[in-house]
Amino acid sequence: MPKFLEDKLKREYGASSKIPYKIMNRIGAIRGNKETAKGRAMAKKHRRDTRGRR
């Protein structure tokens, strides 16, 4: 699953909350506990856009 998105949502809603997973399911980044093609594309774009920004 898109780790950057999971981390961002957990910071916003709390580490033990179920809401980040519900949001990722709703937007189509994951389906159940599996990452979708859309989620892989999101992670790839995030890596490309943030390369060298550390």
PDB file of N, CA and C in Angstrom:
ATOM      1  N   MET A   1       0.842  -1.183   0.000  1.00  0.00           N
ATOM      2  CA  MET A   1       0.000   0.000   0.000  1.00  0.00           C
ATOM      3  C   MET A   1       0.879   1.233   0.000  1.00  0.00           C
ATOM      4  N   PRO A   2       0.370   2.331  -0.487  1.00  0.00           N
ATOM      5  CA  PRO A   2       1.190   3.536  -0.566  1.00  0.00           C
ATOM      6  C   PRO A   2       1.618   3.990   0.834  1.00  0.00           C
ATOM      7  N   LYS A   3       2.870   3.740   1.162  1.00  0.00           N
ATOM      8  CA  LYS A   3       3.379   4.028   2.506  1.00  0.00           C
ATOM      9  C   LYS A   3       3.294   5.511   2.834  1.00  0.00           C
ATOM     10  N   PHE A   4       3.590   6.373   1.859  1.00  0.00           N
ATOM     11  CA  PHE A   4       3.545   7.814   2.117  1.00  0.00           C
ATOM     12  C   PHE A   4       2.130   8.244   2.506  1.00  0.00           C
ATOM     13  N   LEU A   5       1.137   7.673   1.847  1.00  0.00           N
ATOM     14  CA  LEU A   5      -0.249   8.039   2.128  1.00  0.00           C
ATOM     15  C   LEU A   5      -0.683   7.482   3.485  1.00  0.00           C
ATOM     16  N   GLU A   6      -0.288   6.256   3.768  1.00  0.00           N
ATOM     17  CA  GLU A   6      -0.612   5.649   5.059  1.00  0.00           C
ATOM     18  C   GLU A   6      -0.003   6.470   6.198  1.00  0.00           C
ATOM     19  N   ASP A   7       1.258   6.868   6.071  1.00  0.00           N
ATOM     20  CA  ASP A   7       1.912   7.666   7.105  1.00  0.00           C
ATOM     21  C   ASP A   7       1.224   9.009   7.301  1.00  0.00           C
ATOM     22  N   LYS A   8       0.883   9.653   6.201  1.00  0.00           N
ATOM     23  CA  LYS A   8       0.225  10.951   6.276  1.00  0.00           C
ATOM     24  C   LYS A   8      -1.133  10.842   6.980  1.00  0.00           C
ATOM     25  N   LEU A   9      -1.912   9.841   6.609  1.00  0.00           N
ATOM     26  CA  LEU A   9      -3.236   9.673   7.214  1.00  0.00           C
ATOM     27  C   LEU A   9      -3.143   9.264   8.681  1.00  0.00           C
ATOM     28  N   LYS A  10      -2.153   8.443   9.028  1.00  0.00           N
ATOM     29  CA  LYS A  10      -1.988   8.044  10.433  1.00  0.00           C
ATOM     30  C   LYS A  10      -1.581   9.231  11.295  1.00  0.00           C
ATOM     31  N   ARG A  11      -0.764  10.133  10.744  1.00  0.00           N
ATOM     32  CA  ARG A  11      -0.419  11.343  11.503  1.00  0.00           C
ATOM     33  C   ARG A  11      -1.661  12.185  11.748  1.00  0.00           C
ATOM     34  N   GLU A  12      -2.545  12.239  10.764  1.00  0.00           N
ATOM     35  CA  GLU A  12      -3.737  13.069  10.869  1.00  0.00           C
ATOM     36  C   GLU A  12      -4.800  12.455  11.779  1.00  0.00           C
ATOM     37  N   TYR A  13      -5.018  11.134  11.677  1.00  0.00           N
ATOM     38  CA  TYR A  13      -6.125  10.498  12.391  1.00  0.00           C
ATOM     39  C   TYR A  13      -5.703   9.642  13.582  1.00  0.00           C
ATOM     40  N   GLY A  14      -4.409   9.454  13.788  1.00  0.00           N
ATOM     41  CA  GLY A  14      -3.936   8.650  14.906  1.00  0.00           C
ATOM     42  C   GLY A  14      -3.456   7.287  14.430  1.00  0.00           C
ATOM     43  N   ALA A  15      -2.431   6.788  15.095  1.00  0.00           N
ATOM     44  CA  ALA A  15      -1.779   5.548  14.666  1.00  0.00           C
ATOM     45  C   ALA A  15      -2.673   4.318  14.827  1.00  0.00           C
ATOM     46  N   SER A  16      -3.549   4.324  15.793  1.00  0.00           N
ATOM     47  CA  SER A  16      -4.376   3.136  16.029  1.00  0.00           C
ATOM     48  C   SER A  16      -5.778   3.246  15.420  1.00  0.00           C
ATOM     49  N   SER A  17      -6.000   4.271  14.616  1.00  0.00           N
ATOM     50  CA  SER A  17      -7.315   4.493  14.017  1.00  0.00           C
ATOM     51  C   SER A  17      -7.513   3.633  12.764  1.00  0.00           C
ATOM     52  N   LYS A  18      -8.755   3.255  12.502  1.00  0.00           N
ATOM     53  CA  LYS A  18      -9.109   2.502  11.303  1.00  0.00           C
ATOM     54  C   LYS A  18      -9.382   3.427  10.116  1.00  0.00           C
ATOM     55  N   ILE A  19      -9.539   4.692  10.383  1.00  0.00           N
ATOM     56  CA  ILE A  19      -9.940   5.652   9.357  1.00  0.00           C
ATOM     57  C   ILE A  19      -8.955   5.733   8.187  1.00  0.00           C
ATOM     58  N   PRO A  20      -7.622   5.720   8.413  1.00  0.00           N
ATOM     59  CA  PRO A  20      -6.716   5.789   7.247  1.00  0.00           C
ATOM     60  C   PRO A  20      -6.966   4.673   6.231  1.00  0.00           C
ATOM     61  N   TYR A  21      -7.243   3.474   6.696  1.00  0.00           N
ATOM     62  CA  TYR A  21      -7.493   2.352   5.791  1.00  0.00           C
ATOM     63  C   TYR A  21      -8.835   2.500   5.084  1.00  0.00           C
ATOM     64  N   LYS A  22      -9.812   3.044   5.792  1.00  0.00           N
ATOM     65  CA  LYS A  22     -11.109   3.280   5.166  1.00  0.00           C
ATOM     66  C   LYS A  22     -10.988   4.326   4.059  1.00  0.00           C
ATOM     67  N   ILE A  23     -10.181   5.352   4.303  1.00  0.00           N
ATOM     68  CA  ILE A  23      -9.983   6.393   3.291  1.00  0.00           C
ATOM     69  C   ILE A  23      -9.259   5.822   2.081  1.00  0.00           C
ATOM     70  N   MET A  24      -8.200   5.036   2.328  1.00  0.00           N
ATOM     71  CA  MET A  24      -7.453   4.458   1.206  1.00  0.00           C
ATOM     72  C   MET A  24      -8.317   3.494   0.403  1.00  0.00           C
ATOM     73  N   ASN A  25      -9.207   2.755   1.065  1.00  0.00           N
ATOM     74  CA  ASN A  25     -10.142   1.893   0.351  1.00  0.00           C
ATOM     75  C   ASN A  25     -11.100   2.727  -0.486  1.00  0.00           C
ATOM     76  N   ARG A  26     -11.598   3.797   0.086  1.00  0.00           N
ATOM     77  CA  ARG A  26     -12.578   4.633  -0.604  1.00  0.00           C
ATOM     78  C   ARG A  26     -12.003   5.289  -1.848  1.00  0.00           C
ATOM     79  N   ILE A  27     -10.741   5.741  -1.776  1.00  0.00           N
ATOM     80  CA  ILE A  27     -10.156   6.398  -2.949  1.00  0.00           C
ATOM     81  C   ILE A  27      -9.582   5.401  -3.945  1.00  0.00           C
ATOM     82  N   GLY A  28      -9.539   4.128  -3.570  1.00  0.00           N
ATOM     83  CA  GLY A  28      -9.102   3.105  -4.510  1.00  0.00           C
ATOM     84  C   GLY A  28      -7.630   2.763  -4.465  1.00  0.00           C
ATOM     85  N   ALA A  29      -6.905   3.214  -3.450  1.00  0.00           N
ATOM     86  CA  ALA A  29      -5.477   2.913  -3.338  1.00  0.00           C
ATOM     87  C   ALA A  29      -5.251   1.480  -2.875  1.00  0.00           C
ATOM     88  N   ILE A  30      -6.176   0.959  -2.076  1.00  0.00           N
ATOM     89  CA  ILE A  30      -6.122  -0.436  -1.636  1.00  0.00           C
ATOM     90  C   ILE A  30      -7.509  -1.032  -1.750  1.00  0.00           C
ATOM     91  N   ARG A  31      -7.563  -2.326  -1.805  1.00  0.00           N
ATOM     92  CA  ARG A  31      -8.842  -3.044  -1.770  1.00  0.00           C
ATOM     93  C   ARG A  31      -8.649  -4.140  -0.738  1.00  0.00           C
ATOM     94  N   GLY A  32      -9.291  -3.970   0.412  1.00  0.00           N
ATOM     95  CA  GLY A  32      -9.068  -4.899   1.510  1.00  0.00           C
ATOM     96  C   GLY A  32      -7.668  -4.683   2.058  1.00  0.00           C
ATOM     97  N   ASN A  33      -6.838  -5.711   1.966  1.00  0.00           N
ATOM     98  CA  ASN A  33      -5.462  -5.561   2.440  1.00  0.00           C
ATOM     99  C   ASN A  33      -4.459  -5.606   1.286  1.00  0.00           C
ATOM    100  N   LYS A  34      -4.936  -5.467   0.056  1.00  0.00           N
ATOM    101  CA  LYS A  34      -4.060  -5.529  -1.117  1.00  0.00           C
ATOM    102  C   LYS A  34      -4.013  -4.170  -1.816  1.00  0.00           C
ATOM    103  N   GLU A  35      -2.824  -3.830  -2.287  1.00  0.00           N
ATOM    104  CA  GLU A  35      -2.646  -2.585  -3.020  1.00  0.00           C
ATOM    105  C   GLU A  35      -3.159  -2.749  -4.444  1.00  0.00           C
ATOM    106  N   THR A  36      -3.846  -1.737  -4.947  1.00  0.00           N
ATOM    107  CA  THR A  36      -4.381  -1.775  -6.303  1.00  0.00           C
ATOM    108  C   THR A  36      -3.390  -1.125  -7.268  1.00  0.00           C
ATOM    109  N   ALA A  37      -3.687  -1.230  -8.548  1.00  0.00           N
ATOM    110  CA  ALA A  37      -2.850  -0.588  -9.563  1.00  0.00           C
ATOM    111  C   ALA A  37      -2.831   0.924  -9.350  1.00  0.00           C
ATOM    112  N   LYS A  38      -3.948   1.477  -8.943  1.00  0.00           N
ATOM    113  CA  LYS A  38      -4.017   2.911  -8.678  1.00  0.00           C
ATOM    114  C   LYS A  38      -3.099   3.285  -7.519  1.00  0.00           C
ATOM    115  N   GLY A  39      -3.061   2.444  -6.488  1.00  0.00           N
ATOM    116  CA  GLY A  39      -2.169   2.685  -5.352  1.00  0.00           C
ATOM    117  C   GLY A  39      -0.708   2.608  -5.744  1.00  0.00           C
ATOM    118  N   ARG A  40      -0.349   1.641  -6.587  1.00  0.00           N
ATOM    119  CA  ARG A  40       1.027   1.535  -7.066  1.00  0.00           C
ATOM    120  C   ARG A  40       1.401   2.755  -7.898  1.00  0.00           C
ATOM    121  N   ALA A  41       0.474   3.227  -8.712  1.00  0.00           N
ATOM    122  CA  ALA A  41       0.730   4.419  -9.526  1.00  0.00           C
ATOM    123  C   ALA A  41       0.909   5.652  -8.641  1.00  0.00           C
ATOM    124  N   MET A  42       0.129   5.753  -7.577  1.00  0.00           N
ATOM    125  CA  MET A  42       0.251   6.876  -6.649  1.00  0.00           C
ATOM    126  C   MET A  42       1.628   6.865  -5.990  1.00  0.00           C
ATOM    127  N   ALA A  43       2.074   5.690  -5.551  1.00  0.00           N
ATOM    128  CA  ALA A  43       3.380   5.567  -4.899  1.00  0.00           C
ATOM    129  C   ALA A  43       4.506   5.896  -5.874  1.00  0.00           C
ATOM    130  N   LYS A  44       4.384   5.439  -7.113  1.00  0.00           N
ATOM    131  CA  LYS A  44       5.397   5.705  -8.130  1.00  0.00           C
ATOM    132  C   LYS A  44       5.495   7.207  -8.410  1.00  0.00           C
ATOM    133  N   LYS A  45       4.345   7.859  -8.541  1.00  0.00           N
ATOM    134  CA  LYS A  45       4.328   9.304  -8.788  1.00  0.00           C
ATOM    135  C   LYS A  45       4.910  10.052  -7.600  1.00  0.00           C
ATOM    136  N   HIS A  46       4.609   9.620  -6.386  1.00  0.00           N
ATOM    137  CA  HIS A  46       5.137  10.267  -5.189  1.00  0.00           C
ATOM    138  C   HIS A  46       6.662  10.148  -5.147  1.00  0.00           C
ATOM    139  N   ARG A  47       7.181   8.951  -5.446  1.00  0.00           N
ATOM    140  CA  ARG A  47       8.636   8.760  -5.470  1.00  0.00           C
ATOM    141  C   ARG A  47       9.275   9.667  -6.517  1.00  0.00           C
ATOM    142  N   ARG A  48       8.658   9.756  -7.691  1.00  0.00           N
ATOM    143  CA  ARG A  48       9.188  10.588  -8.769  1.00  0.00           C
ATOM    144  C   ARG A  48       9.168  12.068  -8.381  1.00  0.00           C
ATOM    145  N   ASP A  49       8.091  12.525  -7.795  1.00  0.00           N
ATOM    146  CA  ASP A  49       7.939  13.938  -7.465  1.00  0.00           C
ATOM    147  C   ASP A  49       8.790  14.375  -6.282  1.00  0.00           C
ATOM    148  N   THR A  50       9.096  13.467  -5.373  1.00  0.00           N
ATOM    149  CA  THR A  50       9.846  13.850  -4.172  1.00  0.00           C
ATOM    150  C   THR A  50      11.307  13.437  -4.227  1.00  0.00           C
ATOM    151  N   ARG A  51      11.760  12.917  -5.339  1.00  0.00           N
ATOM    152  CA  ARG A  51      13.151  12.495  -5.463  1.00  0.00           C
ATOM    153  C   ARG A  51      14.070  13.698  -5.257  1.00  0.00           C
ATOM    154  N   GLY A  52      15.004  13.561  -4.329  1.00  0.00           N
ATOM    155  CA  GLY A  52      15.971  14.627  -4.082  1.00  0.00           C
ATOM    156  C   GLY A  52      15.495  15.706  -3.136  1.00  0.00           C
ATOM    157  N   ARG A  53      14.324  15.575  -2.545  1.00  0.00           N
ATOM    158  CA  ARG A  53      13.795  16.595  -1.622  1.00  0.00           C
ATOM    159  C   ARG A  53      13.877  16.111  -0.188  1.00  0.00           C
ATOM    160  N   ARG A  54      15.014  15.834   0.301  1.00  0.00           N
ATOM    161  CA  ARG A  54      15.109  15.362   1.689  1.00  0.00           C
ATOM    162  C   ARG A  54      15.819  16.320   2.546  1.00  0.00           C
TER     163      ARG A  54
END
